[in-house]
Amino acid sequence: MNESSKMNEMKAELEQELAKWQTKIDEARVQLKLGGMEAEQKIQPYVDQLENEMSKAKEKWAELEDASENSWEDIKVGLDSSVDSMKEAFANARKHFSGNKVS
């Protein structure tokens, strides 16, 4: 597989991953609204972290769109880091949903 094909495949995978995380962030926002003030106070920091990491991931995505074939792997490392941070923040927020299913 040539570098251009690898980069296109990676872009497609990352685009799907970012879309999945945007959905999870949106679901967390809904849970905040439904959960009332106490839940909001507990969960808001995690939602803020998710939104911050999503913003970083989108910035890296924009860099990836303009990246040369030689630099896209370095940019992917930053995107992977943002996705890992979102996973951690989401797992922490999920603990506070006590019985409300968010996947």
N, C-alpha and C. Protein backbone atom coordinates (compact mmCIF):
# COMPACT_ATOMS: atom_id res chain seq x y z
N MET A 1 0.86 -1.17 0.00
CA MET A 1 0.00 0.00 0.00
C MET A 1 0.90 1.23 0.00
N ASN A 2 0.65 2.18 -0.89
CA ASN A 2 1.50 3.37 -0.95
C ASN A 2 1.10 4.37 0.14
N GLU A 3 1.95 5.37 0.32
CA GLU A 3 1.75 6.36 1.39
C GLU A 3 0.43 7.12 1.22
N SER A 4 0.08 7.46 0.00
CA SER A 4 -1.16 8.19 -0.25
C SER A 4 -2.37 7.36 0.14
N SER A 5 -2.35 6.08 -0.17
CA SER A 5 -3.45 5.19 0.21
C SER A 5 -3.54 5.04 1.72
N LYS A 6 -2.38 4.91 2.38
CA LYS A 6 -2.36 4.82 3.84
C LYS A 6 -2.95 6.08 4.47
N MET A 7 -2.55 7.23 3.94
CA MET A 7 -3.03 8.49 4.48
C MET A 7 -4.54 8.62 4.28
N ASN A 8 -5.05 8.25 3.12
CA ASN A 8 -6.48 8.31 2.85
C ASN A 8 -7.26 7.37 3.75
N GLU A 9 -6.72 6.18 3.97
CA GLU A 9 -7.36 5.21 4.86
C GLU A 9 -7.39 5.74 6.29
N MET A 10 -6.26 6.31 6.73
CA MET A 10 -6.19 6.85 8.07
C MET A 10 -7.15 8.03 8.23
N LYS A 11 -7.24 8.89 7.23
CA LYS A 11 -8.16 10.02 7.29
C LYS A 11 -9.60 9.53 7.46
N ALA A 12 -9.98 8.51 6.71
CA ALA A 12 -11.33 7.97 6.80
C ALA A 12 -11.60 7.41 8.20
N GLU A 13 -10.64 6.67 8.75
CA GLU A 13 -10.80 6.12 10.10
C GLU A 13 -10.91 7.22 11.14
N LEU A 14 -10.06 8.23 11.02
CA LEU A 14 -10.10 9.33 11.99
C LEU A 14 -11.38 10.15 11.87
N GLU A 15 -11.85 10.32 10.67
CA GLU A 15 -13.10 11.06 10.47
C GLU A 15 -14.25 10.33 11.17
N GLN A 16 -14.30 9.01 11.05
CA GLN A 16 -15.32 8.21 11.72
C GLN A 16 -15.17 8.31 13.24
N GLU A 17 -13.94 8.27 13.73
CA GLU A 17 -13.67 8.36 15.16
C GLU A 17 -14.13 9.72 15.71
N LEU A 18 -13.81 10.79 15.01
CA LEU A 18 -14.23 12.13 15.46
C LEU A 18 -15.75 12.26 15.45
N ALA A 19 -16.40 11.70 14.45
CA ALA A 19 -17.87 11.74 14.40
C ALA A 19 -18.47 10.98 15.57
N LYS A 20 -17.87 9.85 15.89
CA LYS A 20 -18.35 9.05 17.03
C LYS A 20 -18.22 9.84 18.32
N TRP A 21 -17.08 10.52 18.49
CA TRP A 21 -16.88 11.29 19.73
C TRP A 21 -17.77 12.52 19.79
N GLN A 22 -18.06 13.11 18.65
CA GLN A 22 -18.98 14.24 18.66
C GLN A 22 -20.36 13.79 19.13
N THR A 23 -20.78 12.60 18.70
CA THR A 23 -22.06 12.04 19.14
C THR A 23 -22.05 11.81 20.65
N LYS A 24 -20.95 11.28 21.18
CA LYS A 24 -20.86 11.04 22.62
C LYS A 24 -20.90 12.35 23.40
N ILE A 25 -20.24 13.37 22.90
CA ILE A 25 -20.26 14.68 23.56
C ILE A 25 -21.69 15.22 23.55
N ASP A 26 -22.37 15.11 22.44
CA ASP A 26 -23.75 15.57 22.35
C ASP A 26 -24.65 14.81 23.34
N GLU A 27 -24.44 13.51 23.46
CA GLU A 27 -25.21 12.71 24.42
C GLU A 27 -24.93 13.15 25.86
N ALA A 28 -23.68 13.46 26.15
CA ALA A 28 -23.32 13.92 27.49
C ALA A 28 -24.01 15.25 27.79
N ARG A 29 -24.08 16.13 26.80
CA ARG A 29 -24.78 17.41 27.00
C ARG A 29 -26.25 17.18 27.32
N VAL A 30 -26.88 16.23 26.62
CA VAL A 30 -28.29 15.92 26.88
C VAL A 30 -28.44 15.40 28.31
N GLN A 31 -27.54 14.53 28.72
CA GLN A 31 -27.60 13.99 30.08
C GLN A 31 -27.46 15.11 31.12
N LEU A 32 -26.62 16.08 30.82
CA LEU A 32 -26.47 17.22 31.72
C LEU A 32 -27.79 17.95 31.89
N LYS A 33 -28.47 18.18 30.80
CA LYS A 33 -29.74 18.90 30.84
C LYS A 33 -30.80 18.10 31.58
N LEU A 34 -30.80 16.80 31.38
CA LEU A 34 -31.80 15.94 32.01
C LEU A 34 -31.49 15.68 33.48
N GLY A 35 -30.23 15.75 33.85
CA GLY A 35 -29.81 15.34 35.18
C GLY A 35 -29.97 16.38 36.27
N GLY A 36 -30.24 17.60 35.94
CA GLY A 36 -30.43 18.62 36.94
C GLY A 36 -29.12 19.22 37.42
N MET A 37 -29.24 20.11 38.37
CA MET A 37 -28.12 20.91 38.85
C MET A 37 -27.01 20.07 39.48
N GLU A 38 -27.35 19.10 40.29
CA GLU A 38 -26.33 18.28 40.95
C GLU A 38 -25.50 17.51 39.94
N ALA A 39 -26.19 16.89 38.99
CA ALA A 39 -25.47 16.14 37.96
C ALA A 39 -24.62 17.08 37.12
N GLU A 40 -25.15 18.25 36.82
CA GLU A 40 -24.40 19.20 36.01
C GLU A 40 -23.09 19.58 36.69
N GLN A 41 -23.14 19.81 37.98
CA GLN A 41 -21.93 20.19 38.71
C GLN A 41 -20.89 19.08 38.70
N LYS A 42 -21.35 17.84 38.74
CA LYS A 42 -20.42 16.71 38.75
C LYS A 42 -19.86 16.42 37.35
N ILE A 43 -20.69 16.56 36.35
CA ILE A 43 -20.33 16.11 35.01
C ILE A 43 -19.74 17.22 34.14
N GLN A 44 -20.08 18.46 34.41
CA GLN A 44 -19.64 19.56 33.55
C GLN A 44 -18.13 19.58 33.32
N PRO A 45 -17.30 19.36 34.35
CA PRO A 45 -15.85 19.37 34.08
C PRO A 45 -15.42 18.33 33.04
N TYR A 46 -16.07 17.18 33.05
CA TYR A 46 -15.73 16.14 32.09
C TYR A 46 -16.20 16.53 30.69
N VAL A 47 -17.38 17.11 30.60
CA VAL A 47 -17.88 17.57 29.31
C VAL A 47 -16.97 18.67 28.76
N ASP A 48 -16.55 19.57 29.64
CA ASP A 48 -15.63 20.63 29.21
C ASP A 48 -14.34 20.03 28.67
N GLN A 49 -13.83 19.00 29.35
CA GLN A 49 -12.60 18.35 28.90
C GLN A 49 -12.82 17.66 27.55
N LEU A 50 -13.97 17.00 27.40
CA LEU A 50 -14.29 16.36 26.12
C LEU A 50 -14.34 17.40 25.00
N GLU A 51 -15.00 18.51 25.26
CA GLU A 51 -15.10 19.55 24.23
C GLU A 51 -13.73 20.14 23.90
N ASN A 52 -12.88 20.32 24.90
CA ASN A 52 -11.54 20.83 24.68
C ASN A 52 -10.72 19.86 23.82
N GLU A 53 -10.79 18.59 24.16
CA GLU A 53 -10.05 17.59 23.38
C GLU A 53 -10.60 17.47 21.97
N MET A 54 -11.92 17.60 21.82
CA MET A 54 -12.51 17.55 20.48
C MET A 54 -12.00 18.74 19.66
N SER A 55 -11.91 19.88 20.28
CA SER A 55 -11.39 21.06 19.59
C SER A 55 -9.95 20.83 19.13
N LYS A 56 -9.13 20.26 20.01
CA LYS A 56 -7.74 19.94 19.64
C LYS A 56 -7.70 18.94 18.49
N ALA A 57 -8.57 17.93 18.56
CA ALA A 57 -8.60 16.91 17.51
C ALA A 57 -9.01 17.53 16.17
N LYS A 58 -9.96 18.45 16.20
CA LYS A 58 -10.38 19.10 14.96
C LYS A 58 -9.26 19.97 14.39
N GLU A 59 -8.49 20.61 15.26
CA GLU A 59 -7.34 21.39 14.79
C GLU A 59 -6.33 20.48 14.11
N LYS A 60 -6.05 19.33 14.74
CA LYS A 60 -5.12 18.37 14.15
C LYS A 60 -5.67 17.83 12.83
N TRP A 61 -6.99 17.63 12.79
CA TRP A 61 -7.62 17.15 11.57
C TRP A 61 -7.39 18.16 10.44
N ALA A 62 -7.56 19.44 10.75
CA ALA A 62 -7.33 20.48 9.74
C ALA A 62 -5.88 20.45 9.27
N GLU A 63 -4.96 20.23 10.19
CA GLU A 63 -3.54 20.11 9.81
C GLU A 63 -3.34 18.90 8.90
N LEU A 64 -4.02 17.82 9.23
CA LEU A 64 -3.89 16.59 8.45
C LEU A 64 -4.37 16.80 7.02
N GLU A 65 -5.44 17.56 6.87
CA GLU A 65 -5.97 17.83 5.54
C GLU A 65 -4.93 18.51 4.64
N ASP A 66 -4.10 19.35 5.25
CA ASP A 66 -3.10 20.09 4.50
C ASP A 66 -1.69 19.46 4.55
N ALA A 67 -1.57 18.34 5.22
CA ALA A 67 -0.26 17.74 5.46
C ALA A 67 0.30 17.07 4.21
N SER A 68 1.60 17.09 4.15
CA SER A 68 2.26 16.34 3.10
C SER A 68 2.29 14.87 3.51
N GLU A 69 2.60 14.03 2.57
CA GLU A 69 2.66 12.60 2.89
C GLU A 69 3.74 12.31 3.92
N ASN A 70 4.74 13.17 4.03
CA ASN A 70 5.83 12.93 4.97
C ASN A 70 5.47 13.32 6.40
N SER A 71 4.52 14.22 6.58
CA SER A 71 4.25 14.71 7.93
C SER A 71 2.95 14.19 8.53
N TRP A 72 2.13 13.48 7.78
CA TRP A 72 0.83 13.08 8.29
C TRP A 72 0.92 12.13 9.47
N GLU A 73 1.95 11.30 9.54
CA GLU A 73 2.06 10.37 10.67
C GLU A 73 2.31 11.12 11.98
N ASP A 74 3.09 12.20 11.94
CA ASP A 74 3.32 13.00 13.14
C ASP A 74 2.02 13.65 13.62
N ILE A 75 1.23 14.13 12.68
CA ILE A 75 -0.04 14.76 13.03
C ILE A 75 -0.99 13.71 13.60
N LYS A 76 -0.95 12.51 13.06
CA LYS A 76 -1.82 11.43 13.56
C LYS A 76 -1.54 11.14 15.03
N VAL A 77 -0.29 11.25 15.45
CA VAL A 77 0.06 11.02 16.86
C VAL A 77 -0.70 12.00 17.74
N GLY A 78 -0.76 13.27 17.34
CA GLY A 78 -1.51 14.27 18.10
C GLY A 78 -3.00 13.96 18.12
N LEU A 79 -3.54 13.52 17.00
CA LEU A 79 -4.95 13.14 16.95
C LEU A 79 -5.23 11.95 17.86
N ASP A 80 -4.36 10.97 17.80
CA ASP A 80 -4.53 9.79 18.67
C ASP A 80 -4.51 10.18 20.14
N SER A 81 -3.64 11.12 20.50
CA SER A 81 -3.56 11.58 21.87
C SER A 81 -4.86 12.26 22.30
N SER A 82 -5.43 13.07 21.43
CA SER A 82 -6.70 13.72 21.73
C SER A 82 -7.82 12.70 21.89
N VAL A 83 -7.85 11.71 21.03
CA VAL A 83 -8.88 10.67 21.13
C VAL A 83 -8.71 9.90 22.43
N ASP A 84 -7.49 9.57 22.80
CA ASP A 84 -7.25 8.87 24.07
C ASP A 84 -7.73 9.71 25.26
N SER A 85 -7.48 11.01 25.22
CA SER A 85 -7.93 11.90 26.29
C SER A 85 -9.45 11.95 26.35
N MET A 86 -10.10 11.95 25.19
CA MET A 86 -11.56 11.95 25.16
C MET A 86 -12.11 10.66 25.75
N LYS A 87 -11.47 9.54 25.44
CA LYS A 87 -11.90 8.26 26.00
C LYS A 87 -11.83 8.29 27.52
N GLU A 88 -10.74 8.82 28.05
CA GLU A 88 -10.56 8.89 29.50
C GLU A 88 -11.59 9.82 30.13
N ALA A 89 -11.79 10.99 29.56
CA ALA A 89 -12.76 11.94 30.10
C ALA A 89 -14.17 11.37 30.04
N PHE A 90 -14.49 10.68 28.95
CA PHE A 90 -15.81 10.10 28.81
C PHE A 90 -16.03 8.99 29.84
N ALA A 91 -15.02 8.18 30.05
CA ALA A 91 -15.14 7.10 31.04
C ALA A 91 -15.37 7.70 32.43
N ASN A 92 -14.67 8.77 32.75
CA ASN A 92 -14.85 9.42 34.05
C ASN A 92 -16.25 10.03 34.17
N ALA A 93 -16.72 10.67 33.11
CA ALA A 93 -18.06 11.26 33.14
C ALA A 93 -19.12 10.17 33.25
N ARG A 94 -18.89 9.09 32.55
CA ARG A 94 -19.87 8.00 32.55
C ARG A 94 -20.12 7.45 33.95
N LYS A 95 -19.09 7.44 34.78
CA LYS A 95 -19.23 6.97 36.16
C LYS A 95 -20.28 7.77 36.92
N HIS A 96 -20.47 9.02 36.52
CA HIS A 96 -21.40 9.90 37.23
C HIS A 96 -22.82 9.87 36.66
N PHE A 97 -23.03 9.10 35.62
CA PHE A 97 -24.37 9.03 35.04
C PHE A 97 -25.27 8.06 35.81
N SER A 98 -24.74 7.42 36.79
CA SER A 98 -25.44 6.48 37.68
C SER A 98 -26.74 5.92 37.12
N GLY A 99 -26.57 4.92 36.30
CA GLY A 99 -27.74 4.22 35.79
C GLY A 99 -28.21 4.72 34.43
N ASN A 100 -27.87 5.93 34.04
CA ASN A 100 -28.24 6.41 32.71
C ASN A 100 -27.22 5.87 31.73
N LYS A 101 -27.70 5.18 30.71
CA LYS A 101 -26.79 4.55 29.76
C LYS A 101 -26.35 5.55 28.70
N VAL A 102 -25.05 5.71 28.59
CA VAL A 102 -24.47 6.48 27.52
C VAL A 102 -23.34 5.65 26.95
N SER A 103 -23.37 5.35 25.64
CA SER A 103 -22.30 4.55 25.06
C SER A 103 -21.64 5.25 23.93
